[in-house]
Amino acid sequence: MKLLTKAIEAKLRKNQADFQNGESDHVPPLKLFCPWGSATWLITEIDEDGDRMFGLCDLGMDCVELGYVSLSELKALRGPFGLGIERDMLARLYRVSSGTIYNIIRVQA
């Protein structure tokens, strides 16, 4: 599965440009998760290099933080049976307010 579509990348780049112009509240257009564990990344921005991304990072160890993650490193991760990091295509992500953790509402299939 492709982690980053052109449409999502365009939204991430727009968020990065908006941030540089003083706007800091963004709805994360990308949710990535680890299918063999509980790690989750809600990505709001991507740098010009196309690799360094910013967002809410939860590695499943009760230590959620805002920070940077490398797209190439996430693509290289492999778990049991060769599983890789995946994009959650069913996540509906919302901005609640500045400084607040995002609500994740999953569409039940």
Protein backbone atom coordinates (compact mmCIF):
# COMPACT_ATOMS: atom_id res chain seq x y z
CA MET A 1 0.00 0.00 0.00
CA LYS A 2 1.19 3.48 -0.82
CA LEU A 3 1.58 5.47 2.41
CA LEU A 4 1.37 8.88 0.77
CA THR A 5 -0.89 9.70 -2.16
CA LYS A 6 -0.37 12.85 -4.22
CA ALA A 7 -3.59 14.35 -2.78
CA ILE A 8 -2.50 13.72 0.81
CA GLU A 9 0.99 15.04 0.10
CA ALA A 10 -0.53 18.23 -1.32
CA LYS A 11 -2.57 18.72 1.89
CA LEU A 12 0.50 18.10 4.05
CA ARG A 13 2.52 20.65 2.04
CA LYS A 14 -0.30 23.20 2.27
CA ASN A 15 -0.41 22.71 6.05
CA GLN A 16 3.36 23.28 6.20
CA ALA A 17 3.04 26.51 4.20
CA ASP A 18 0.11 27.67 6.37
CA PHE A 19 2.15 26.96 9.51
CA GLN A 20 4.97 29.16 8.22
CA ASN A 21 2.39 31.90 7.72
CA GLY A 22 1.25 31.69 11.35
CA GLU A 23 -1.61 29.18 11.21
CA SER A 24 -1.01 26.30 13.61
CA ASP A 25 -4.26 24.33 13.85
CA HIS A 26 -4.51 21.64 11.19
CA VAL A 27 -6.64 18.60 10.66
CA PRO A 28 -4.20 15.71 10.09
CA PRO A 29 -4.87 14.39 6.58
CA LEU A 30 -2.86 11.22 7.22
CA LYS A 31 -3.10 8.48 9.83
CA LEU A 32 -0.47 5.74 9.78
CA PHE A 33 -0.46 2.70 12.05
CA CYS A 34 1.56 -0.37 12.89
CA PRO A 35 -0.56 -3.51 12.20
CA TRP A 36 1.49 -5.71 14.55
CA GLY A 37 1.52 -3.26 17.45
CA SER A 38 -0.20 -0.18 18.79
CA ALA A 39 1.90 2.62 17.25
CA THR A 40 -0.05 5.38 15.49
CA TRP A 41 1.01 8.56 13.73
CA LEU A 42 -1.39 11.44 12.91
CA ILE A 43 0.57 13.48 10.38
CA THR A 44 -0.23 17.15 9.78
CA GLU A 45 2.75 18.45 7.76
CA ILE A 46 5.62 17.36 5.54
CA ASP A 47 8.87 19.25 4.99
CA GLU A 48 10.12 20.35 1.59
CA ASP A 49 12.50 17.37 1.46
CA GLY A 50 9.45 15.07 1.22
CA ASP A 51 10.70 12.85 4.04
CA ARG A 52 10.45 14.58 7.41
CA MET A 53 6.85 14.72 8.62
CA PHE A 54 5.33 16.39 11.69
CA GLY A 55 2.38 15.22 13.75
CA LEU A 56 1.09 13.43 16.79
CA CYS A 57 3.20 10.31 17.42
CA ASP A 58 1.98 7.53 19.70
CA LEU A 59 4.33 4.54 19.85
CA GLY A 60 1.93 2.70 22.16
CA MET A 61 4.02 3.21 25.28
CA ASP A 62 1.77 5.77 27.05
CA CYS A 63 3.95 8.59 25.78
CA VAL A 64 2.07 10.54 23.11
CA GLU A 65 3.97 13.52 21.74
CA LEU A 66 4.08 16.01 18.92
CA GLY A 67 7.21 15.50 16.87
CA TYR A 68 8.93 14.57 13.64
CA VAL A 69 9.09 11.21 11.92
CA SER A 70 10.87 10.10 8.75
CA LEU A 71 8.70 8.74 5.95
CA SER A 72 11.60 6.66 4.60
CA GLU A 73 12.17 5.09 8.03
CA LEU A 74 8.49 4.21 8.36
CA LYS A 75 8.53 2.65 4.89
CA ALA A 76 11.56 0.54 5.86
CA LEU A 77 9.98 -0.89 9.03
CA ARG A 78 9.06 -4.56 8.78
CA GLY A 79 7.28 -6.66 11.36
CA PRO A 80 6.14 -10.26 11.54
CA PHE A 81 5.43 -11.88 8.18
CA GLY A 82 6.95 -8.85 6.42
CA LEU A 83 4.13 -6.51 7.46
CA GLY A 84 4.86 -2.82 7.03
CA ILE A 85 3.37 0.41 8.33
CA GLU A 86 -0.03 1.08 6.77
CA ARG A 87 -2.25 4.06 6.01
CA ASP A 88 -5.66 4.02 7.70
CA MET A 89 -7.98 4.75 4.81
CA LEU A 90 -11.12 4.65 7.00
CA ALA A 91 -10.05 7.15 9.66
CA ARG A 92 -12.02 10.38 9.96
CA LEU A 93 -9.79 12.94 11.65
CA TYR A 94 -11.02 16.19 13.15
CA ARG A 95 -9.41 19.26 14.67
CA VAL A 96 -10.93 19.85 18.06
CA SER A 97 -9.03 22.98 19.11
CA SER A 98 -5.51 24.22 19.53
CA GLY A 99 -3.47 22.12 21.93
CA THR A 100 -6.06 19.35 22.13
CA ILE A 101 -5.52 15.73 21.14
CA TYR A 102 -7.37 14.83 17.94
CA ASN A 103 -10.49 12.68 18.02
CA ILE A 104 -10.36 9.63 15.81
CA ILE A 105 -13.66 8.29 14.58
CA ARG A 106 -13.42 5.03 12.68
CA VAL A 107 -15.99 4.05 10.13
CA GLN A 108 -17.14 0.53 10.91
CA ALA A 109 -17.12 -1.68 7.83
